Amino acid sequence: KSMRRNTRHISAMLVVACLVSTAMGAAAQEIGQTFQARIIDTKNALPDRTSTNLRFGLDSVTPDEEVVELARVLAEQGPRALTSRLEKLDRGWIQFGARSSYPLSFVRVFEREEGGRLLRLMTHRPIGMAEAFSNFRTTDYPFTILEIQLDENDRGEGRMMVGAKLEFEGTQLEVTSYGLEPFQVVPVMETGKKKKKT
C-alpha cells in the first residue's frame, strides 16, 4: 500500500533567520530539564495502537553558529551529509515507549509572546513506530521532528513528524513526511530539573 507524502516548502533564508535570531542565547546554553507526554495517533496510521509514551531530556541548546553550519551542509552536500553530521551531536535524549533512548541532535528554544517557550527538536535516528508503516524506507526519511509549545509552568502540547526528509530545492527547504499528518503530543509536562553548578 502506497502512502501520500506531505511536503512543505519553506524559504531557506527564513528558516535560518527564525532559528537564529529569536532563539534563547547564541551559545550552547544549558537547559537540564526532562519531560513526559503521550504520542496520540489520531489518523489510525498504526494498526491496533493509538498512543504510546514519550520521554525526553534537554541538556543544551544548539548554538547559532551550529544552526548555520547544519543549514550549509544540507544545502551544499544533501541530507546524507546532514545525517552524518547530526550523528556526532548530542543535545539531549528522547525515548519512545519502552524502547532505548536516542540522542537529540538538535534543540532550539524560543520565547513565546504570550509567555512560555517553544521547543523545536530533531533526532537523526528513526524510531520504532516508523518501521510499522507499509514498506517504509527509514534510510530515505531519517529525521524525526518535534515542535512543543509550553506555558509558563512548562506544561503544554505539540506535534511530531515521524520519518521526515529535509532537502533544499533552490532556495526552498522541503520538509517531507511519508504520508502522515504530524502525531499529537499531549499533555507535555516537566518531570525534573538538573541542579545548576554554583
N, C-alpha and C. Protein backbone atom coordinates (compact mmCIF):
# COMPACT_ATOMS: atom_id res chain seq x y z
N LYS A 1 0.84 -1.19 0.00
CA LYS A 1 0.00 0.00 0.00
C LYS A 1 0.88 1.24 0.00
N SER A 2 0.69 2.12 -0.98
CA SER A 2 1.48 3.34 -1.04
C SER A 2 0.84 4.40 -0.17
N MET A 3 1.65 5.35 0.31
CA MET A 3 1.16 6.39 1.19
C MET A 3 1.49 7.74 0.60
N ARG A 4 0.56 8.67 0.69
CA ARG A 4 0.75 10.01 0.16
C ARG A 4 1.77 10.76 0.99
N ARG A 5 2.75 11.35 0.33
CA ARG A 5 3.77 12.11 1.04
C ARG A 5 3.33 13.56 1.18
N ASN A 6 3.57 14.13 2.34
CA ASN A 6 3.23 15.53 2.60
C ASN A 6 4.50 16.36 2.56
N THR A 7 4.52 17.37 1.71
CA THR A 7 5.70 18.21 1.55
C THR A 7 5.37 19.65 1.86
N ARG A 8 6.24 20.28 2.65
CA ARG A 8 6.11 21.70 2.94
C ARG A 8 7.31 22.42 2.36
N HIS A 9 7.09 23.58 1.74
CA HIS A 9 8.16 24.38 1.17
C HIS A 9 8.37 25.61 2.05
N ILE A 10 9.60 25.79 2.51
CA ILE A 10 9.92 26.88 3.42
C ILE A 10 11.14 27.62 2.88
N SER A 11 11.09 28.93 2.90
CA SER A 11 12.21 29.73 2.44
C SER A 11 13.46 29.41 3.27
N ALA A 12 14.56 29.12 2.60
CA ALA A 12 15.79 28.76 3.31
C ALA A 12 16.27 29.90 4.20
N MET A 13 16.25 31.14 3.69
CA MET A 13 16.69 32.27 4.49
C MET A 13 15.77 32.50 5.67
N LEU A 14 14.48 32.26 5.48
CA LEU A 14 13.53 32.42 6.58
C LEU A 14 13.80 31.40 7.67
N VAL A 15 14.11 30.18 7.26
CA VAL A 15 14.40 29.12 8.25
C VAL A 15 15.59 29.51 9.11
N VAL A 16 16.69 29.89 8.47
CA VAL A 16 17.90 30.25 9.22
C VAL A 16 17.65 31.47 10.10
N ALA A 17 16.94 32.47 9.56
CA ALA A 17 16.68 33.69 10.34
C ALA A 17 15.85 33.38 11.56
N CYS A 18 14.82 32.57 11.40
CA CYS A 18 13.95 32.23 12.53
C CYS A 18 14.68 31.40 13.57
N LEU A 19 15.50 30.47 13.10
CA LEU A 19 16.20 29.60 14.04
C LEU A 19 17.26 30.35 14.82
N VAL A 20 17.88 31.33 14.20
CA VAL A 20 19.00 32.01 14.83
C VAL A 20 18.57 33.23 15.62
N SER A 21 17.80 34.13 15.02
CA SER A 21 17.62 35.45 15.60
C SER A 21 16.71 35.49 16.81
N THR A 22 15.77 34.54 16.94
CA THR A 22 14.82 34.62 18.03
C THR A 22 15.00 33.55 19.09
N ALA A 23 16.00 32.72 18.94
CA ALA A 23 16.20 31.66 19.92
C ALA A 23 16.88 32.21 21.16
N MET A 24 16.79 31.42 22.25
CA MET A 24 17.34 31.85 23.52
C MET A 24 18.85 31.62 23.54
N GLY A 25 19.61 32.69 23.34
CA GLY A 25 21.05 32.58 23.51
C GLY A 25 21.75 32.08 22.27
N ALA A 26 22.89 32.70 21.96
CA ALA A 26 23.66 32.29 20.79
C ALA A 26 24.58 31.13 21.10
N ALA A 27 24.92 30.95 22.35
CA ALA A 27 25.83 29.88 22.74
C ALA A 27 25.06 28.61 23.09
N ALA A 28 25.80 27.57 23.41
CA ALA A 28 25.18 26.29 23.77
C ALA A 28 24.67 26.38 25.21
N GLN A 29 23.59 27.09 25.40
CA GLN A 29 23.02 27.32 26.72
C GLN A 29 22.53 26.02 27.35
N GLU A 30 22.83 25.83 28.63
CA GLU A 30 22.38 24.63 29.33
C GLU A 30 20.90 24.74 29.66
N ILE A 31 20.21 23.60 29.61
CA ILE A 31 18.78 23.56 29.95
C ILE A 31 18.57 22.67 31.18
N GLY A 32 18.90 21.39 31.04
CA GLY A 32 18.80 20.49 32.18
C GLY A 32 17.40 20.18 32.64
N GLN A 33 16.47 19.90 31.69
CA GLN A 33 15.10 19.56 32.04
C GLN A 33 14.69 18.26 31.38
N THR A 34 13.76 17.54 32.03
CA THR A 34 13.17 16.34 31.45
C THR A 34 11.66 16.51 31.37
N PHE A 35 11.05 15.85 30.39
CA PHE A 35 9.62 15.97 30.14
C PHE A 35 9.02 14.60 29.82
N GLN A 36 7.70 14.51 29.98
CA GLN A 36 6.98 13.32 29.55
C GLN A 36 5.69 13.73 28.87
N ALA A 37 5.16 12.84 28.01
CA ALA A 37 3.92 13.12 27.29
C ALA A 37 3.40 11.80 26.71
N ARG A 38 2.30 11.91 25.98
CA ARG A 38 1.77 10.79 25.20
C ARG A 38 1.75 11.19 23.74
N ILE A 39 2.15 10.26 22.88
CA ILE A 39 2.03 10.46 21.43
C ILE A 39 0.70 9.86 21.00
N ILE A 40 -0.17 10.68 20.40
CA ILE A 40 -1.50 10.24 20.02
C ILE A 40 -1.59 10.11 18.50
N ASP A 41 -2.00 8.93 18.05
CA ASP A 41 -2.18 8.66 16.62
C ASP A 41 -3.64 8.90 16.26
N THR A 42 -3.96 10.13 15.86
CA THR A 42 -5.36 10.49 15.56
C THR A 42 -5.79 10.03 14.17
N LYS A 43 -4.85 9.62 13.31
CA LYS A 43 -5.17 9.22 11.95
C LYS A 43 -5.21 7.71 11.76
N ASN A 44 -5.05 6.95 12.88
CA ASN A 44 -5.05 5.49 12.80
C ASN A 44 -3.99 4.97 11.83
N ALA A 45 -2.82 5.60 11.86
CA ALA A 45 -1.74 5.19 10.97
C ALA A 45 -1.10 3.88 11.42
N LEU A 46 -1.13 3.63 12.73
CA LEU A 46 -0.52 2.43 13.28
C LEU A 46 -1.60 1.46 13.73
N PRO A 47 -1.74 0.31 13.09
CA PRO A 47 -2.80 -0.64 13.42
C PRO A 47 -2.74 -1.08 14.88
N ASP A 48 -3.91 -1.11 15.52
CA ASP A 48 -4.06 -1.65 16.88
C ASP A 48 -3.27 -0.88 17.92
N ARG A 49 -2.92 0.38 17.61
CA ARG A 49 -2.19 1.17 18.60
C ARG A 49 -2.51 2.64 18.39
N THR A 50 -3.05 3.27 19.41
CA THR A 50 -3.47 4.67 19.26
C THR A 50 -2.57 5.65 20.00
N SER A 51 -1.74 5.16 20.94
CA SER A 51 -0.87 6.07 21.67
C SER A 51 0.30 5.32 22.28
N THR A 52 1.32 6.07 22.63
CA THR A 52 2.48 5.49 23.31
C THR A 52 3.13 6.57 24.16
N ASN A 53 3.95 6.17 25.11
CA ASN A 53 4.61 7.12 25.99
C ASN A 53 5.78 7.81 25.28
N LEU A 54 6.03 9.03 25.67
CA LEU A 54 7.18 9.79 25.18
C LEU A 54 7.88 10.42 26.37
N ARG A 55 9.19 10.29 26.42
CA ARG A 55 10.01 10.97 27.41
C ARG A 55 11.19 11.61 26.69
N PHE A 56 11.59 12.80 27.13
CA PHE A 56 12.77 13.42 26.54
C PHE A 56 13.44 14.33 27.54
N GLY A 57 14.75 14.45 27.38
CA GLY A 57 15.55 15.32 28.24
C GLY A 57 16.34 16.30 27.41
N LEU A 58 16.39 17.54 27.85
CA LEU A 58 17.10 18.59 27.14
C LEU A 58 18.32 19.01 27.95
N ASP A 59 19.49 18.82 27.39
CA ASP A 59 20.73 19.17 28.08
C ASP A 59 21.22 20.57 27.71
N SER A 60 21.21 20.89 26.42
CA SER A 60 21.72 22.19 25.99
C SER A 60 21.08 22.60 24.66
N VAL A 61 21.14 23.91 24.39
CA VAL A 61 20.58 24.47 23.16
C VAL A 61 21.63 24.42 22.05
N THR A 62 21.19 24.08 20.85
CA THR A 62 22.07 24.14 19.69
C THR A 62 22.45 25.60 19.43
N PRO A 63 23.74 25.95 19.43
CA PRO A 63 24.13 27.35 19.26
C PRO A 63 23.90 27.85 17.83
N ASP A 64 23.83 29.17 17.69
CA ASP A 64 23.52 29.78 16.40
C ASP A 64 24.47 29.34 15.30
N GLU A 65 25.75 29.35 15.59
CA GLU A 65 26.73 29.02 14.56
C GLU A 65 26.57 27.57 14.08
N GLU A 66 26.12 26.70 14.96
CA GLU A 66 25.90 25.31 14.58
C GLU A 66 24.67 25.18 13.68
N VAL A 67 23.64 26.00 13.94
CA VAL A 67 22.46 26.02 13.08
C VAL A 67 22.84 26.43 11.66
N VAL A 68 23.62 27.49 11.55
CA VAL A 68 24.05 27.97 10.23
C VAL A 68 24.88 26.92 9.51
N GLU A 69 25.75 26.25 10.24
CA GLU A 69 26.60 25.22 9.64
C GLU A 69 25.76 24.03 9.17
N LEU A 70 24.78 23.61 9.95
CA LEU A 70 23.93 22.50 9.55
C LEU A 70 23.12 22.84 8.31
N ALA A 71 22.63 24.08 8.24
CA ALA A 71 21.91 24.52 7.04
C ALA A 71 22.82 24.51 5.83
N ARG A 72 24.06 24.91 6.00
CA ARG A 72 25.02 24.91 4.90
C ARG A 72 25.30 23.50 4.42
N VAL A 73 25.50 22.57 5.36
CA VAL A 73 25.76 21.17 5.00
C VAL A 73 24.59 20.59 4.20
N LEU A 74 23.37 20.85 4.66
CA LEU A 74 22.20 20.34 3.95
C LEU A 74 22.11 20.94 2.55
N ALA A 75 22.34 22.25 2.42
CA ALA A 75 22.21 22.92 1.13
C ALA A 75 23.28 22.48 0.14
N GLU A 76 24.52 22.31 0.63
CA GLU A 76 25.63 22.04 -0.26
C GLU A 76 25.92 20.55 -0.45
N GLN A 77 25.63 19.74 0.55
CA GLN A 77 26.02 18.32 0.48
C GLN A 77 24.85 17.35 0.55
N GLY A 78 23.67 17.84 0.95
CA GLY A 78 22.50 16.98 0.93
C GLY A 78 22.18 16.33 2.27
N PRO A 79 21.03 15.60 2.33
CA PRO A 79 20.55 15.03 3.59
C PRO A 79 21.44 13.95 4.19
N ARG A 80 22.13 13.18 3.35
CA ARG A 80 23.01 12.14 3.91
C ARG A 80 24.16 12.76 4.69
N ALA A 81 24.71 13.83 4.16
CA ALA A 81 25.78 14.53 4.87
C ALA A 81 25.27 15.15 6.16
N LEU A 82 24.03 15.67 6.12
CA LEU A 82 23.44 16.23 7.33
C LEU A 82 23.25 15.15 8.37
N THR A 83 22.79 13.97 7.95
CA THR A 83 22.62 12.85 8.88
C THR A 83 23.94 12.50 9.54
N SER A 84 25.01 12.43 8.74
CA SER A 84 26.33 12.11 9.30
C SER A 84 26.78 13.15 10.30
N ARG A 85 26.48 14.43 10.02
CA ARG A 85 26.86 15.49 10.95
C ARG A 85 26.05 15.41 12.24
N LEU A 86 24.77 15.14 12.11
CA LEU A 86 23.91 15.07 13.29
C LEU A 86 24.27 13.89 14.19
N GLU A 87 24.79 12.82 13.61
CA GLU A 87 25.18 11.65 14.40
C GLU A 87 26.25 11.99 15.43
N LYS A 88 26.98 13.08 15.19
CA LYS A 88 28.06 13.47 16.10
C LYS A 88 27.61 14.44 17.17
N LEU A 89 26.33 14.85 17.12
CA LEU A 89 25.83 15.86 18.04
C LEU A 89 24.93 15.23 19.10
N ASP A 90 24.96 15.80 20.29
CA ASP A 90 24.16 15.28 21.40
C ASP A 90 23.74 16.43 22.28
N ARG A 91 22.47 16.85 22.14
CA ARG A 91 21.93 17.95 22.93
C ARG A 91 20.89 17.49 23.94
N GLY A 92 20.70 16.17 24.03
CA GLY A 92 19.72 15.62 24.95
C GLY A 92 19.39 14.20 24.54
N TRP A 93 18.23 13.72 24.93
CA TRP A 93 17.82 12.36 24.59
C TRP A 93 16.30 12.30 24.45
N ILE A 94 15.83 11.23 23.78
CA ILE A 94 14.40 11.04 23.58
C ILE A 94 14.10 9.55 23.60
N GLN A 95 12.97 9.18 24.20
CA GLN A 95 12.61 7.76 24.35
C GLN A 95 11.14 7.57 23.99
N PHE A 96 10.87 6.59 23.14
CA PHE A 96 9.51 6.26 22.71
C PHE A 96 9.10 4.94 23.33
N GLY A 97 8.06 4.95 24.15
CA GLY A 97 7.60 3.73 24.79
C GLY A 97 8.69 3.13 25.66
N ALA A 98 8.85 1.79 25.54
CA ALA A 98 9.85 1.09 26.34
C ALA A 98 11.15 0.88 25.58
N ARG A 99 11.27 1.49 24.41
CA ARG A 99 12.48 1.32 23.61
C ARG A 99 13.65 2.09 24.21
N SER A 100 14.84 1.79 23.72
CA SER A 100 16.02 2.50 24.17
C SER A 100 15.94 3.96 23.74
N SER A 101 16.56 4.82 24.50
CA SER A 101 16.54 6.25 24.17
C SER A 101 17.54 6.55 23.04
N TYR A 102 17.27 7.61 22.31
CA TYR A 102 18.14 8.08 21.24
C TYR A 102 18.63 9.49 21.57
N PRO A 103 19.77 9.89 21.03
CA PRO A 103 20.23 11.26 21.24
C PRO A 103 19.35 12.25 20.50
N LEU A 104 19.13 13.41 21.10
CA LEU A 104 18.54 14.54 20.39
C LEU A 104 19.70 15.33 19.79
N SER A 105 19.73 15.45 18.49
CA SER A 105 20.84 16.11 17.82
C SER A 105 20.67 17.61 17.73
N PHE A 106 19.42 18.07 17.84
CA PHE A 106 19.12 19.48 17.59
C PHE A 106 18.07 19.95 18.58
N VAL A 107 18.37 21.02 19.31
CA VAL A 107 17.44 21.59 20.30
C VAL A 107 17.48 23.11 20.18
N ARG A 108 16.32 23.69 19.88
CA ARG A 108 16.21 25.15 19.87
C ARG A 108 15.06 25.57 20.76
N VAL A 109 15.23 26.66 21.49
CA VAL A 109 14.25 27.14 22.45
C VAL A 109 13.93 28.60 22.14
N PHE A 110 12.64 28.91 22.00
CA PHE A 110 12.20 30.26 21.65
C PHE A 110 11.24 30.78 22.72
N GLU A 111 11.34 32.04 23.05
CA GLU A 111 10.38 32.69 23.94
C GLU A 111 9.10 32.97 23.16
N ARG A 112 7.94 32.69 23.76
CA ARG A 112 6.65 32.98 23.13
C ARG A 112 6.13 34.33 23.62
N GLU A 113 5.50 35.09 22.73
CA GLU A 113 4.99 36.41 23.09
C GLU A 113 3.97 36.33 24.21
N GLU A 114 3.17 35.27 24.21
CA GLU A 114 2.14 35.13 25.23
C GLU A 114 2.65 34.49 26.50
N GLY A 115 3.96 34.23 26.58
CA GLY A 115 4.55 33.60 27.75
C GLY A 115 4.87 32.14 27.47
N GLY A 116 5.82 31.61 28.19
CA GLY A 116 6.22 30.24 27.96
C GLY A 116 7.27 30.14 26.86
N ARG A 117 7.47 28.92 26.37
CA ARG A 117 8.54 28.68 25.40
C ARG A 117 8.06 27.77 24.27
N LEU A 118 8.73 27.87 23.15
CA LEU A 118 8.52 26.98 22.01
C LEU A 118 9.79 26.16 21.83
N LEU A 119 9.64 24.84 21.82
CA LEU A 119 10.78 23.94 21.62
C LEU A 119 10.72 23.35 20.23
N ARG A 120 11.85 23.33 19.54
CA ARG A 120 11.97 22.64 18.26
C ARG A 120 13.11 21.65 18.39
N LEU A 121 12.77 20.38 18.22
CA LEU A 121 13.70 19.29 18.48
C LEU A 121 13.81 18.40 17.24
N MET A 122 14.99 17.82 17.06
CA MET A 122 15.16 16.89 15.94
C MET A 122 16.17 15.81 16.31
N THR A 123 15.88 14.59 15.87
CA THR A 123 16.82 13.49 16.01
C THR A 123 17.04 12.89 14.64
N HIS A 124 18.25 12.44 14.37
CA HIS A 124 18.56 11.82 13.08
C HIS A 124 18.17 10.35 13.06
N ARG A 125 17.85 9.80 14.21
CA ARG A 125 17.58 8.37 14.28
C ARG A 125 16.10 8.07 14.06
N PRO A 126 15.77 7.14 13.16
CA PRO A 126 14.37 6.74 13.00
C PRO A 126 13.91 5.99 14.24
N ILE A 127 12.65 6.12 14.58
CA ILE A 127 12.12 5.45 15.76
C ILE A 127 11.38 4.18 15.35
N GLY A 128 11.06 3.34 16.30
CA GLY A 128 10.46 2.06 16.00
C GLY A 128 9.12 2.14 15.31
N MET A 129 8.30 3.15 15.64
CA MET A 129 7.00 3.26 15.02
C MET A 129 7.10 3.39 13.51
N ALA A 130 8.15 4.05 13.04
CA ALA A 130 8.28 4.28 11.60
C ALA A 130 8.35 2.96 10.83
N GLU A 131 8.90 1.94 11.46
CA GLU A 131 9.05 0.67 10.78
C GLU A 131 7.72 -0.04 10.61
N ALA A 132 6.69 0.42 11.30
CA ALA A 132 5.36 -0.18 11.17
C ALA A 132 4.62 0.32 9.93
N PHE A 133 5.12 1.40 9.32
CA PHE A 133 4.47 1.93 8.13
C PHE A 133 4.72 0.97 6.96
N SER A 134 3.79 0.89 6.05
CA SER A 134 3.88 -0.05 4.94
C SER A 134 5.11 0.21 4.09
N ASN A 135 6.02 -0.78 4.06
CA ASN A 135 7.22 -0.71 3.23
C ASN A 135 7.99 0.59 3.42
N PHE A 136 8.04 1.03 4.65
CA PHE A 136 8.68 2.32 4.93
C PHE A 136 10.19 2.20 4.86
N ARG A 137 10.84 3.08 4.09
CA ARG A 137 12.30 3.07 3.95
C ARG A 137 12.87 4.15 4.85
N THR A 138 13.28 3.76 6.04
CA THR A 138 13.74 4.74 7.02
C THR A 138 14.99 5.46 6.57
N THR A 139 15.79 4.81 5.71
CA THR A 139 17.02 5.46 5.27
C THR A 139 16.74 6.67 4.41
N ASP A 140 15.58 6.73 3.77
CA ASP A 140 15.22 7.87 2.94
C ASP A 140 14.58 8.99 3.76
N TYR A 141 14.06 8.65 4.93
CA TYR A 141 13.37 9.63 5.79
C TYR A 141 13.93 9.50 7.22
N PRO A 142 15.17 9.95 7.42
CA PRO A 142 15.88 9.63 8.67
C PRO A 142 15.64 10.58 9.83
N PHE A 143 14.80 11.62 9.65
CA PHE A 143 14.66 12.62 10.69
C PHE A 143 13.31 12.54 11.39
N THR A 144 13.31 12.74 12.69
CA THR A 144 12.09 12.89 13.47
C THR A 144 12.11 14.29 14.08
N ILE A 145 11.04 15.05 13.85
CA ILE A 145 10.99 16.46 14.24
C ILE A 145 9.83 16.69 15.19
N LEU A 146 10.07 17.39 16.28
CA LEU A 146 9.03 17.73 17.24
C LEU A 146 8.97 19.23 17.45
N GLU A 147 7.78 19.75 17.60
CA GLU A 147 7.56 21.13 17.98
C GLU A 147 6.63 21.14 19.19
N ILE A 148 7.12 21.67 20.30
CA ILE A 148 6.40 21.65 21.57
C ILE A 148 6.16 23.07 22.05
N GLN A 149 4.92 23.40 22.40
CA GLN A 149 4.59 24.70 22.97
C GLN A 149 4.32 24.53 24.46
N LEU A 150 5.10 25.26 25.26
CA LEU A 150 4.99 25.18 26.71
C LEU A 150 4.48 26.49 27.28
N ASP A 151 3.67 26.40 28.34
CA ASP A 151 3.24 27.61 29.02
C ASP A 151 4.28 28.00 30.07
N GLU A 152 3.96 28.98 30.90
CA GLU A 152 4.92 29.46 31.89
C GLU A 152 5.19 28.44 32.99
N ASN A 153 4.34 27.41 33.10
CA ASN A 153 4.53 26.34 34.08
C ASN A 153 5.15 25.10 33.45
N ASP A 154 5.67 25.23 32.22
CA ASP A 154 6.30 24.13 31.49
C ASP A 154 5.34 22.96 31.26
N ARG A 155 4.10 23.30 30.96
CA ARG A 155 3.09 22.33 30.53
C ARG A 155 2.58 22.75 29.16
N GLY A 156 2.24 21.78 28.33
CA GLY A 156 1.75 22.17 27.02
C GLY A 156 1.45 20.99 26.13
N GLU A 157 1.61 21.21 24.83
CA GLU A 157 1.30 20.19 23.83
C GLU A 157 2.16 20.45 22.61
N GLY A 158 2.12 19.51 21.68
CA GLY A 158 2.94 19.69 20.48
C GLY A 158 2.57 18.72 19.39
N ARG A 159 3.44 18.68 18.37
CA ARG A 159 3.27 17.80 17.23
C ARG A 159 4.59 17.12 16.92
N MET A 160 4.51 15.94 16.32
CA MET A 160 5.71 15.20 15.96
C MET A 160 5.57 14.68 14.54
N MET A 161 6.58 14.94 13.72
CA MET A 161 6.63 14.40 12.37
C MET A 161 7.61 13.24 12.36
N VAL A 162 7.09 12.06 12.12
CA VAL A 162 7.92 10.84 12.12
C VAL A 162 8.42 10.58 10.70
N GLY A 163 9.69 10.27 10.57
CA GLY A 163 10.21 9.93 9.27
C GLY A 163 10.14 11.08 8.29
N ALA A 164 10.89 12.14 8.56
CA ALA A 164 10.88 13.31 7.69
C ALA A 164 12.13 13.34 6.81
N LYS A 165 11.96 13.92 5.63
CA LYS A 165 13.08 14.15 4.72
C LYS A 165 13.28 15.66 4.60
N LEU A 166 14.54 16.10 4.71
CA LEU A 166 14.88 17.51 4.56
C LEU A 166 15.81 17.67 3.37
N GLU A 167 15.48 18.58 2.46
CA GLU A 167 16.36 18.85 1.35
C GLU A 167 16.01 20.21 0.74
N PHE A 168 17.03 20.86 0.18
CA PHE A 168 16.83 22.14 -0.47
C PHE A 168 16.51 21.93 -1.94
N GLU A 169 15.52 22.68 -2.42
CA GLU A 169 15.24 22.79 -3.84
C GLU A 169 15.39 24.26 -4.19
N GLY A 170 16.56 24.62 -4.71
CA GLY A 170 16.86 26.03 -4.92
C GLY A 170 17.00 26.73 -3.59
N THR A 171 16.20 27.77 -3.36
CA THR A 171 16.22 28.50 -2.09
C THR A 171 15.12 28.05 -1.15
N GLN A 172 14.42 26.97 -1.52
CA GLN A 172 13.32 26.47 -0.69
C GLN A 172 13.75 25.21 0.05
N LEU A 173 13.43 25.15 1.33
CA LEU A 173 13.66 23.95 2.12
C LEU A 173 12.41 23.09 2.06
N GLU A 174 12.55 21.87 1.57
CA GLU A 174 11.43 20.93 1.53
C GLU A 174 11.47 20.04 2.76
N VAL A 175 10.38 20.02 3.49
CA VAL A 175 10.22 19.12 4.63
C VAL A 175 9.12 18.13 4.26
N THR A 176 9.48 16.87 4.05
CA THR A 176 8.55 15.87 3.54
C THR A 176 8.38 14.75 4.56
N SER A 177 7.13 14.42 4.88
CA SER A 177 6.85 13.25 5.72
C SER A 177 6.26 12.16 4.85
N TYR A 178 6.40 10.93 5.30
CA TYR A 178 5.95 9.81 4.49
C TYR A 178 4.46 9.56 4.66
N GLY A 179 3.64 10.49 4.12
CA GLY A 179 2.20 10.27 4.03
C GLY A 179 1.43 10.39 5.32
N LEU A 180 2.00 10.99 6.35
CA LEU A 180 1.31 11.07 7.63
C LEU A 180 1.22 12.51 8.10
N GLU A 181 0.07 12.87 8.65
CA GLU A 181 -0.03 14.15 9.35
C GLU A 181 0.77 14.03 10.65
N PRO A 182 1.25 15.13 11.20
CA PRO A 182 2.01 15.03 12.46
C PRO A 182 1.18 14.39 13.58
N PHE A 183 1.83 13.56 14.38
CA PHE A 183 1.19 12.99 15.56
C PHE A 183 1.02 14.09 16.61
N GLN A 184 -0.02 14.00 17.41
CA GLN A 184 -0.20 14.92 18.52
C GLN A 184 0.64 14.46 19.71
N VAL A 185 1.19 15.40 20.44
CA VAL A 185 1.97 15.12 21.63
C VAL A 185 1.31 15.85 22.79
N VAL A 186 0.58 15.11 23.63
CA VAL A 186 -0.20 15.70 24.72
C VAL A 186 -0.31 14.74 25.90
N PRO A 187 -0.50 15.25 27.11
CA PRO A 187 -0.06 16.58 27.53
C PRO A 187 1.42 16.52 27.87
N VAL A 188 2.14 17.56 27.54
CA VAL A 188 3.57 17.62 27.84
C VAL A 188 3.75 18.22 29.23
N MET A 189 4.52 17.53 30.07
CA MET A 189 4.74 18.00 31.44
C MET A 189 6.21 17.85 31.82
N GLU A 190 6.74 18.85 32.51
CA GLU A 190 8.09 18.74 33.03
C GLU A 190 8.12 17.73 34.17
N THR A 191 9.16 16.88 34.18
CA THR A 191 9.28 15.88 35.23
C THR A 191 10.52 16.06 36.09
N GLY A 192 11.42 16.95 35.71
CA GLY A 192 12.62 17.13 36.53
C GLY A 192 13.53 18.21 35.99
N LYS A 193 14.36 18.74 36.87
CA LYS A 193 15.38 19.73 36.51
C LYS A 193 16.71 19.32 37.09
N LYS A 194 17.77 19.54 36.31
CA LYS A 194 19.11 19.28 36.80
C LYS A 194 19.59 20.49 37.57
N LYS A 195 20.17 20.25 38.73
CA LYS A 195 20.67 21.36 39.54
C LYS A 195 21.84 22.03 38.85
N LYS A 196 21.81 23.35 38.79
CA LYS A 196 22.89 24.10 38.17
C LYS A 196 24.09 24.16 39.10
N LYS A 197 25.28 24.14 38.49
CA LYS A 197 26.50 24.23 39.29
C LYS A 197 26.66 25.63 39.85
N THR A 198 27.12 25.71 41.08
CA THR A 198 27.31 27.02 41.72
C THR A 198 28.78 27.36 41.81
